[in-house]
């Protein structure tokens, strides 16, 4: 089998904006004053963000135009909707969505400032923070963009050999004397972690029993069609597209692995936030409003139509819309309504950047040998996840903020993750690097 390689990054120019008219500046001064007044009434301590903003003497965004990168996936919707439906204008900025060729391109362009921020894999942000999967750069997660909605697709050739589940895949791998190849989208990213976790749950070591390669999401279907892989893990709509094209079937969804798992985030560098705190806040507010808008079921068909265009996901509208609305068909006879379909808001539970979510990806990086030693899991998460900025944005929009920055979940193997003892958790797995 040949190894697929990412296409080179798409060249893009970077728009910048410096000014803002006086009437708009006055509006933002009044808005921030109102927010500060409300905070004082609630006995809230002003955040470091407020202190930075007022020390500079202005609450206006430092940049009026921000370039936000995305990969063609259904969960890029918040960036597109914020830009196309005017949520950005409410906060004095213009968001320019920038379609990128690969996650490596997103990583590099965010790190070097060519992109101000991006729709990013949660695990990729933490990988860059730790200097794995790219050059080290201090990073910031401003908010979570979505839960759920990814999947593992297997080639139809495996179905013909009796594979319909993790157990039957394990049996085939044990009995067939050949290399099995699986693709994910980035070494430290979410899809790699879902794929590895799922394989290991069924006794398949992702580094010893099979071969794994990296392929950008939009190239997954084409590579499966020509026989470059037996299976892949990716975000929608590229699992549904394999079924639509009759080349593969869904063996698992990511919500099967972890219901309401963290997925993409609004990521940027710590330097960007330090230099542009008001812009970071404005971006967070605009995209938070977009997430709330998308989560209303009545709005989803129109959003599916919007993002299906060539400028965004470039996939048939019906392929996007089905799973976007929770209508699942695994391609081998099972159809169901999934209550854990892709969520973008869920009363603020999705968008809050839980510390335990970021820590989980570090535990998996350690499990699979990407990190050689245990980091200070909690300290890293506190540094990366900007709960202060998110809380500022959420409260200004009347959105409830969870009282606890940690949450508890039971994964597919029955193991509970709650963030209380990350070192023990990371080292507890039977199958690991």
Protein backbone atom coordinates (compact mmCIF):
# COMPACT_ATOMS: atom_id res chain seq x y z
CA UNK A 1 0.00 0.00 0.00
CA UNK A 2 1.25 3.49 -0.75
CA UNK A 3 1.40 6.11 1.96
CA UNK A 4 -0.77 9.17 1.43
CA UNK A 5 0.81 12.54 2.03
CA UNK A 6 -0.87 15.86 2.80
CA UNK A 7 -1.12 18.38 0.02
CA UNK A 8 1.01 21.52 0.49
CA UNK A 9 -0.60 24.38 2.37
CA UNK A 10 -2.75 26.78 0.43
CA UNK A 11 -1.06 30.20 0.18
CA UNK A 12 -3.12 32.89 1.76
CA UNK A 13 -2.57 36.56 2.49
CA UNK A 14 -3.23 37.99 5.94
CA UNK A 15 -5.57 40.98 6.26
CA UNK A 16 -4.94 43.38 9.11
CA UNK A 17 -7.01 46.17 10.58
CA UNK A 18 -6.02 48.83 13.07
CA UNK A 19 -8.69 51.48 13.28
CA UNK A 20 -12.25 51.78 14.51
CA UNK A 21 -14.52 54.80 14.13
CA UNK A 22 -15.25 57.05 17.09
CA UNK A 23 -18.95 56.25 17.38
CA UNK A 24 -18.22 52.54 17.49
CA UNK A 25 -15.47 53.15 20.05
CA UNK A 26 -17.98 55.00 22.25
CA UNK A 27 -20.40 52.10 21.90
CA UNK A 28 -17.77 49.62 23.08
CA UNK A 29 -16.76 51.84 26.00
CA UNK A 30 -20.39 51.92 27.13
CA UNK A 31 -20.80 48.18 26.61
CA UNK A 32 -17.70 47.33 28.62
CA UNK A 33 -18.68 49.79 31.33
CA UNK A 34 -22.06 48.11 31.54
CA UNK A 35 -20.43 44.68 31.78
CA UNK A 36 -18.03 45.86 34.46
CA UNK A 37 -20.90 47.39 36.37
CA UNK A 38 -22.81 44.12 36.25
CA UNK A 39 -19.75 42.25 37.40
CA UNK A 40 -19.32 44.57 40.37
CA UNK A 41 -22.95 44.10 41.33
CA UNK A 42 -22.35 40.34 41.33
CA UNK A 43 -19.28 40.79 43.54
CA UNK A 44 -17.10 39.47 40.73
CA UNK A 45 -13.37 40.17 40.69
CA UNK A 46 -12.42 41.84 37.38
CA UNK A 47 -10.40 39.44 35.25
CA UNK A 48 -6.86 39.99 34.07
CA UNK A 49 -8.41 40.61 30.67
CA UNK A 50 -10.35 43.61 32.00
CA UNK A 51 -7.25 44.95 33.71
CA UNK A 52 -5.24 44.69 30.48
CA UNK A 53 -7.96 46.31 28.43
CA UNK A 54 -8.50 49.26 30.76
CA UNK A 55 -4.78 49.73 31.35
CA UNK A 56 -4.54 50.36 27.60
CA UNK A 57 -7.34 52.91 27.92
CA UNK A 58 -9.71 51.27 25.45
CA UNK A 59 -12.05 48.33 25.24
CA UNK A 60 -12.16 48.33 21.43
CA UNK A 61 -10.70 45.37 19.54
CA UNK A 62 -7.06 45.96 18.70
CA UNK A 63 -7.69 44.41 15.26
CA UNK A 64 -10.85 45.02 13.27
CA UNK A 65 -10.15 42.19 10.82
CA UNK A 66 -9.23 38.70 12.00
CA UNK A 67 -8.30 35.76 9.84
CA UNK A 68 -9.48 32.44 11.25
CA UNK A 69 -8.34 29.20 9.64
CA UNK A 70 -10.47 26.11 9.20
CA UNK A 71 -10.38 22.63 7.67
CA UNK A 72 -13.32 21.49 5.48
CA UNK A 73 -15.33 19.64 8.11
CA UNK A 74 -18.89 19.99 9.38
CA UNK A 75 -17.59 21.33 12.69
CA UNK A 76 -16.02 24.38 11.02
CA UNK A 77 -19.60 25.74 11.03
CA UNK A 78 -19.17 28.18 13.96
CA UNK A 79 -16.38 30.08 12.16
CA UNK A 80 -18.37 30.24 8.91
CA UNK A 81 -21.64 31.20 10.57
CA UNK A 82 -20.03 33.90 12.71
CA UNK A 83 -18.57 35.47 9.57
CA UNK A 84 -21.48 35.00 7.17
CA UNK A 85 -24.34 35.86 9.52
CA UNK A 86 -22.83 38.99 11.01
CA UNK A 87 -22.18 37.84 14.58
CA UNK A 88 -18.66 39.25 14.18
CA UNK A 89 -19.87 42.77 13.31
CA UNK A 90 -21.73 43.00 16.63
CA UNK A 91 -18.37 43.01 18.39
CA UNK A 92 -16.45 45.36 16.11
CA UNK A 93 -14.54 42.79 14.08
CA UNK A 94 -14.68 41.20 10.65
CA UNK A 95 -13.88 37.48 10.58
CA UNK A 96 -12.32 36.20 7.37
CA UNK A 97 -12.52 32.39 7.25
CA UNK A 98 -9.44 30.88 5.60
CA UNK A 99 -9.77 27.38 4.14
CA UNK A 100 -6.58 25.39 4.73
CA UNK A 101 -5.25 22.18 3.18
CA UNK A 102 -4.16 20.27 6.28
CA UNK A 103 -3.90 20.42 10.04
CA UNK A 104 -0.15 20.89 9.66
CA UNK A 105 -0.87 24.05 7.67
CA UNK A 106 -3.24 25.26 10.40
CA UNK A 107 -0.58 24.58 13.05
CA UNK A 108 2.17 26.42 11.20
CA UNK A 109 0.10 29.42 10.16
CA UNK A 110 -1.30 29.97 13.64
CA UNK A 111 2.16 29.63 15.16
CA UNK A 112 3.73 32.14 12.79
CA UNK A 113 0.85 34.62 12.97
CA UNK A 114 -0.34 34.23 9.39
CA UNK A 115 -3.64 33.12 10.91
CA UNK A 116 -4.86 35.00 13.97
CA UNK A 117 -6.75 31.96 15.24
CA UNK A 118 -8.24 28.73 13.92
CA UNK A 119 -10.71 25.89 14.18
CA UNK A 120 -8.22 23.43 15.69
CA UNK A 121 -7.97 19.86 16.92
CA UNK A 122 -8.00 19.95 20.72
CA UNK A 123 -5.06 17.57 20.97
CA UNK A 124 -3.08 19.50 18.38
CA UNK A 125 -3.17 22.66 20.50
CA UNK A 126 -1.81 20.72 23.47
CA UNK A 127 0.79 19.03 21.29
CA UNK A 128 2.16 22.40 20.17
CA UNK A 129 2.13 23.61 23.78
CA UNK A 130 4.25 20.62 24.76
CA UNK A 131 6.55 20.77 21.74
CA UNK A 132 5.34 17.49 20.21
CA UNK A 133 3.85 17.30 16.74
CA UNK A 134 5.51 20.62 15.93
CA UNK A 135 7.79 23.32 17.31
CA UNK A 136 6.90 24.41 20.85
CA UNK A 137 4.73 27.49 21.12
CA UNK A 138 2.64 28.68 24.05
CA UNK A 139 -0.98 28.29 23.03
CA UNK A 140 -4.45 29.35 24.15
CA UNK A 141 -7.81 27.62 23.90
CA UNK A 142 -10.50 30.29 23.97
CA UNK A 143 -13.48 27.94 23.81
CA UNK A 144 -14.60 24.50 22.67
CA UNK A 145 -16.40 24.51 19.32
CA UNK A 146 -18.19 21.16 19.41
CA UNK A 147 -18.72 17.76 21.00
CA UNK A 148 -19.25 14.46 19.15
CA UNK A 149 -19.71 13.98 15.41
CA UNK A 150 -16.53 12.16 14.33
CA UNK A 151 -16.26 8.53 13.33
CA UNK A 152 -14.31 5.46 12.27
CA UNK A 153 -14.93 4.17 8.76
CA UNK A 154 -13.80 0.81 7.39
CA UNK A 155 -13.41 -0.15 3.72
CA UNK A 156 -16.13 -2.33 2.19
CA UNK A 157 -13.51 -5.00 1.48
CA UNK A 158 -13.37 -5.69 5.23
CA UNK A 159 -17.14 -6.11 5.40
CA UNK A 160 -16.84 -8.75 2.68
CA UNK A 161 -14.51 -10.65 5.06
CA UNK A 162 -17.01 -10.54 7.91
CA UNK A 163 -15.86 -7.39 9.72
CA UNK A 164 -18.70 -5.35 11.21
CA UNK A 165 -17.32 -4.50 14.65
CA UNK A 166 -14.19 -4.08 16.73
CA UNK A 167 -14.26 -7.73 17.75
CA UNK A 168 -14.48 -9.03 14.19
CA UNK A 169 -11.75 -6.63 13.07
CA UNK A 170 -9.46 -8.01 15.78
CA UNK A 171 -10.17 -11.55 14.59
CA UNK A 172 -9.33 -10.68 10.97
CA UNK A 173 -6.09 -8.91 11.94
CA UNK A 174 -5.03 -11.91 14.01
CA UNK A 175 -5.79 -14.39 11.24
CA UNK A 176 -4.75 -12.60 8.07
CA UNK A 177 -1.05 -12.32 7.35
CA UNK A 178 -0.78 -8.82 5.93
CA UNK A 179 -0.32 -5.21 7.00
CA UNK A 180 -3.48 -3.33 7.91
CA UNK A 181 -3.34 0.44 7.41
CA UNK A 182 -5.44 3.03 9.23
CA UNK A 183 -5.43 6.78 8.70
CA UNK A 184 -5.90 9.63 11.13
CA UNK A 185 -5.57 13.36 10.56
CA UNK A 186 -2.72 14.57 12.82
CA UNK A 187 -0.38 12.72 15.21
CA UNK A 188 -1.44 14.50 18.42
CA UNK A 189 -4.98 15.33 17.29
CA UNK A 190 -8.40 14.14 18.27
CA UNK A 191 -8.88 11.64 15.46
CA UNK A 192 -5.61 9.89 16.24
CA UNK A 193 -6.65 9.59 19.88
CA UNK A 194 -10.17 8.26 19.06
CA UNK A 195 -8.72 5.73 16.61
CA UNK A 196 -6.04 4.52 19.02
CA UNK A 197 -8.46 4.33 21.96
CA UNK A 198 -11.03 2.38 19.94
CA UNK A 199 -8.50 -0.09 18.52
CA UNK A 200 -6.96 -0.67 21.96
CA UNK A 201 -10.40 -1.28 23.48
CA UNK A 202 -10.63 -4.35 21.25
CA UNK A 203 -7.10 -5.54 21.96
CA UNK A 204 -5.49 -4.05 18.84
CA UNK A 205 -2.24 -2.17 19.49
CA UNK A 206 -2.28 0.82 17.08
CA UNK A 207 1.52 0.88 16.90
CA UNK A 208 2.33 -2.84 16.80
CA UNK A 209 -0.62 -4.62 15.21
CA UNK A 210 -1.44 -2.13 12.44
CA UNK A 211 0.17 0.69 10.50
CA UNK A 212 -1.12 4.26 10.88
CA UNK A 213 -0.68 7.11 8.41
CA UNK A 214 -1.67 10.79 8.37
CA UNK A 215 -4.10 12.03 5.72
CA UNK A 216 -5.94 15.41 5.62
CA UNK A 217 -9.70 15.04 6.17
CA UNK A 218 -10.94 15.91 2.64
CA UNK A 219 -8.52 13.36 1.14
CA UNK A 220 -9.74 10.40 3.21
CA UNK A 221 -12.43 9.19 0.84
CA UNK A 222 -10.25 9.41 -2.26
CA UNK A 223 -7.44 7.50 -0.55
CA UNK A 224 -9.80 4.76 0.62
CA UNK A 225 -11.25 4.50 -2.89
CA UNK A 226 -7.83 3.68 -4.36
CA UNK A 227 -6.94 1.23 -1.59
CA UNK A 228 -4.49 3.24 0.49
CA UNK A 229 -6.10 2.27 3.79
CA UNK A 230 -8.36 -0.27 5.46
CA UNK A 231 -9.96 2.31 7.71
CA UNK A 232 -9.76 5.87 8.95
CA UNK A 233 -10.91 8.17 11.72
CA UNK A 234 -12.09 11.62 10.70
CA UNK A 235 -14.77 14.22 11.28
CA UNK A 236 -17.99 14.49 9.34
CA UNK A 237 -19.01 14.64 6.60
CA UNK A 238 -16.20 12.36 5.43
CA UNK A 239 -17.59 9.25 7.17
CA UNK A 240 -21.04 9.80 5.67
CA UNK A 241 -19.41 10.54 2.31
CA UNK A 242 -17.75 7.09 2.22
CA UNK A 243 -21.18 5.50 2.64
CA UNK A 244 -22.68 7.86 0.03
CA UNK A 245 -19.94 6.84 -2.41
CA UNK A 246 -20.40 3.14 -1.51
CA UNK A 247 -16.75 2.57 -0.59
CA UNK A 248 -16.98 2.19 3.20
CA UNK A 249 -19.14 1.79 6.28
CA UNK A 250 -19.22 3.20 9.82
CA UNK A 251 -17.93 0.79 12.43
CA UNK A 252 -18.08 3.33 15.29
CA UNK A 253 -18.88 6.96 16.01
CA UNK A 254 -16.69 9.02 18.28
CA UNK A 255 -19.64 9.41 20.65
CA UNK A 256 -19.61 5.62 20.97
CA UNK A 257 -16.09 6.03 22.36
CA UNK A 258 -16.92 8.98 24.61
CA UNK A 259 -20.38 10.54 24.67
CA UNK A 260 -20.14 14.35 24.52
CA UNK A 261 -16.38 14.26 24.09
CA UNK A 262 -14.40 17.45 23.42
CA UNK A 263 -13.46 17.89 19.78
CA UNK A 264 -12.46 21.14 18.00
CA UNK A 265 -11.53 24.37 19.75
CA UNK A 266 -11.01 28.02 18.90
CA UNK A 267 -7.24 28.09 19.24
CA UNK A 268 -4.61 30.78 18.99
CA UNK A 269 -1.21 31.61 20.43
CA UNK A 270 -0.70 32.99 23.92
CA UNK A 271 1.20 35.86 22.29
CA UNK A 272 -1.83 36.83 20.24
CA UNK A 273 -4.05 36.96 23.33
CA UNK A 274 -1.48 38.97 25.29
CA UNK A 275 -1.19 41.55 22.52
CA UNK A 276 -4.86 41.57 21.51
CA UNK A 277 -6.99 40.79 24.58
CA UNK A 278 -10.03 42.73 23.34
CA UNK A 279 -9.86 41.05 19.93
CA UNK A 280 -9.65 37.64 21.59
CA UNK A 281 -12.74 38.50 23.64
CA UNK A 282 -14.63 39.77 20.58
CA UNK A 283 -13.79 36.60 18.61
CA UNK A 284 -14.96 34.43 21.48
CA UNK A 285 -18.26 36.32 21.78
CA UNK A 286 -18.98 36.17 18.05
CA UNK A 287 -18.25 32.47 17.73
CA UNK A 288 -20.06 31.66 20.97
CA UNK A 289 -23.16 33.32 19.52
CA UNK A 290 -22.71 31.31 16.34
CA UNK A 291 -22.49 28.06 18.34
CA UNK A 292 -25.71 28.90 20.13
CA UNK A 293 -27.40 29.67 16.81
CA UNK A 294 -26.25 26.42 15.16
CA UNK A 295 -27.39 24.26 18.06
CA UNK A 296 -31.03 25.13 17.37
CA UNK A 297 -32.29 22.21 15.27
CA UNK A 298 -34.47 24.54 13.18
CA UNK A 299 -31.36 26.39 11.98
CA UNK A 300 -29.33 23.36 10.99
CA UNK A 301 -30.64 22.70 7.45
CA UNK A 302 -29.74 26.27 6.44
CA UNK A 303 -26.33 25.95 8.06
CA UNK A 304 -25.73 22.65 6.25
CA UNK A 305 -26.55 24.38 2.96
CA UNK A 306 -24.22 27.27 3.79
CA UNK A 307 -21.19 25.17 4.68
CA UNK A 308 -21.69 22.74 1.78
CA UNK A 309 -20.39 25.31 -0.70
CA UNK A 310 -17.03 25.05 -2.45
CA UNK A 311 -15.56 27.80 -0.28
CA UNK A 312 -16.16 25.72 2.84
CA UNK A 313 -16.72 21.94 3.12
CA UNK A 314 -17.38 21.31 -0.59
CA UNK A 315 -19.61 18.27 -0.12
CA UNK A 316 -23.22 17.49 -1.11
CA UNK A 317 -25.68 19.23 1.18
CA UNK A 318 -27.54 15.98 1.93
CA UNK A 319 -24.32 14.26 2.99
CA UNK A 320 -23.68 17.00 5.56
CA UNK A 321 -27.27 17.43 6.71
CA UNK A 322 -28.08 13.83 7.69
CA UNK A 323 -25.66 13.34 10.56
CA UNK A 324 -25.77 17.08 11.31
CA UNK A 325 -29.40 16.44 12.32
CA UNK A 326 -28.61 13.18 14.12
CA UNK A 327 -29.87 10.85 11.36
CA UNK A 328 -27.35 8.00 11.27
CA UNK A 329 -26.98 5.13 8.82
CA UNK A 330 -23.90 2.93 9.19
CA UNK A 331 -24.02 1.72 5.60
CA UNK A 332 -24.51 -1.95 6.49
CA UNK A 333 -28.13 -2.03 7.54
CA UNK A 334 -28.41 -0.07 10.78
CA UNK A 335 -30.23 3.28 10.97
CA UNK A 336 -30.85 5.28 14.14
CA UNK A 337 -31.46 8.71 15.63
CA UNK A 338 -28.38 9.52 17.69
CA UNK A 339 -29.08 11.71 20.73
CA UNK A 340 -25.34 12.39 20.96
CA UNK A 341 -24.95 13.86 17.51
CA UNK A 342 -22.68 16.86 16.91
CA UNK A 343 -23.42 19.53 19.50
CA UNK A 344 -22.16 23.10 19.42
CA UNK A 345 -23.69 24.70 22.52
CA UNK A 346 -25.93 22.58 24.81
CA UNK A 347 -26.61 25.49 27.19
CA UNK A 348 -22.92 26.32 27.38
CA UNK A 349 -21.78 22.84 28.37
CA UNK A 350 -20.11 22.30 24.98
CA UNK A 351 -18.35 25.62 24.67
CA UNK A 352 -16.86 25.83 28.17
CA UNK A 353 -13.13 24.91 28.02
CA UNK A 354 -13.05 22.32 30.81
CA UNK A 355 -9.57 21.81 32.25
CA UNK A 356 -10.15 18.06 32.41
CA UNK A 357 -10.78 17.97 28.66
CA UNK A 358 -7.38 19.40 27.86
CA UNK A 359 -5.74 17.16 30.45
CA UNK A 360 -7.26 14.05 28.85
CA UNK A 361 -5.38 14.63 25.62
CA UNK A 362 -2.13 14.95 27.57
CA UNK A 363 -2.83 11.60 29.25
CA UNK A 364 -3.22 9.99 25.83
CA UNK A 365 -0.06 11.65 24.52
CA UNK A 366 1.73 10.07 27.48
CA UNK A 367 -0.01 6.72 26.94
CA UNK A 368 1.17 6.50 23.34
CA UNK A 369 4.73 7.65 23.99
CA UNK A 370 4.39 11.10 22.45
CA UNK A 371 5.26 12.50 25.87
CA UNK A 372 8.14 10.64 27.49
CA UNK A 373 7.37 11.78 31.05
CA UNK A 374 4.27 12.92 32.92
CA UNK A 375 3.80 16.69 32.74
CA UNK A 376 2.07 18.75 35.41
CA UNK A 377 -1.27 18.01 33.78
CA UNK A 378 -3.35 20.52 35.69
CA UNK A 379 -0.81 23.34 35.42
CA UNK A 380 -0.60 22.95 31.65
CA UNK A 381 -4.38 22.97 31.29
CA UNK A 382 -4.71 26.08 33.45
CA UNK A 383 -2.16 27.83 31.27
CA UNK A 384 -3.71 26.85 27.94
CA UNK A 385 -7.47 26.95 28.59
CA UNK A 386 -8.46 30.58 28.98
CA UNK A 387 -11.45 30.13 31.24
CA UNK A 388 -11.19 33.82 32.16
CA UNK A 389 -11.79 34.98 28.59
CA UNK A 390 -14.55 32.44 28.03
CA UNK A 391 -16.31 33.42 31.27
CA UNK A 392 -16.14 37.10 30.29
CA UNK A 393 -17.74 36.35 26.93
CA UNK A 394 -20.36 33.95 28.28
CA UNK A 395 -21.55 36.23 31.07
CA UNK A 396 -21.91 39.15 28.65
CA UNK A 397 -24.22 36.94 26.56
CA UNK A 398 -26.21 35.66 29.53
CA UNK A 399 -24.79 32.14 29.17
CA UNK A 400 -24.36 30.02 32.28
CA UNK A 401 -20.80 29.01 33.14
CA UNK A 402 -20.22 25.62 34.83
CA UNK A 403 -19.13 25.98 38.44
CA UNK A 404 -16.55 23.20 38.18
CA UNK A 405 -13.76 23.31 35.53
CA UNK A 406 -13.54 19.50 35.70
CA UNK A 407 -16.09 16.97 34.47
CA UNK A 408 -16.48 13.23 34.71
CA UNK A 409 -17.16 10.77 31.87
CA UNK A 410 -17.16 7.02 31.30
CA UNK A 411 -15.53 5.92 28.06
CA UNK A 412 -16.20 2.89 25.85
CA UNK A 413 -13.99 0.58 27.93
CA UNK A 414 -15.87 1.43 31.12
CA UNK A 415 -12.99 3.49 32.54
CA UNK A 416 -14.01 6.78 34.17
CA UNK A 417 -12.06 9.95 33.44
CA UNK A 418 -12.52 12.83 35.89
CA UNK A 419 -9.12 14.53 35.89
CA UNK A 420 -8.46 13.84 39.57
CA UNK A 421 -5.37 11.64 39.13
CA UNK A 422 -4.16 12.11 35.56
CA UNK A 423 -0.77 10.48 36.10
CA UNK A 424 -2.32 7.26 37.41
CA UNK A 425 -4.90 7.31 34.61
CA UNK A 426 -2.28 7.82 31.88
CA UNK A 427 -0.23 4.90 33.14
CA UNK A 428 -3.14 2.53 33.89
CA UNK A 429 -3.82 1.23 30.38
CA UNK A 430 -2.91 -2.31 29.47
CA UNK A 431 -2.23 -1.42 25.85
CA UNK A 432 0.11 1.53 25.51
CA UNK A 433 3.37 2.49 23.81
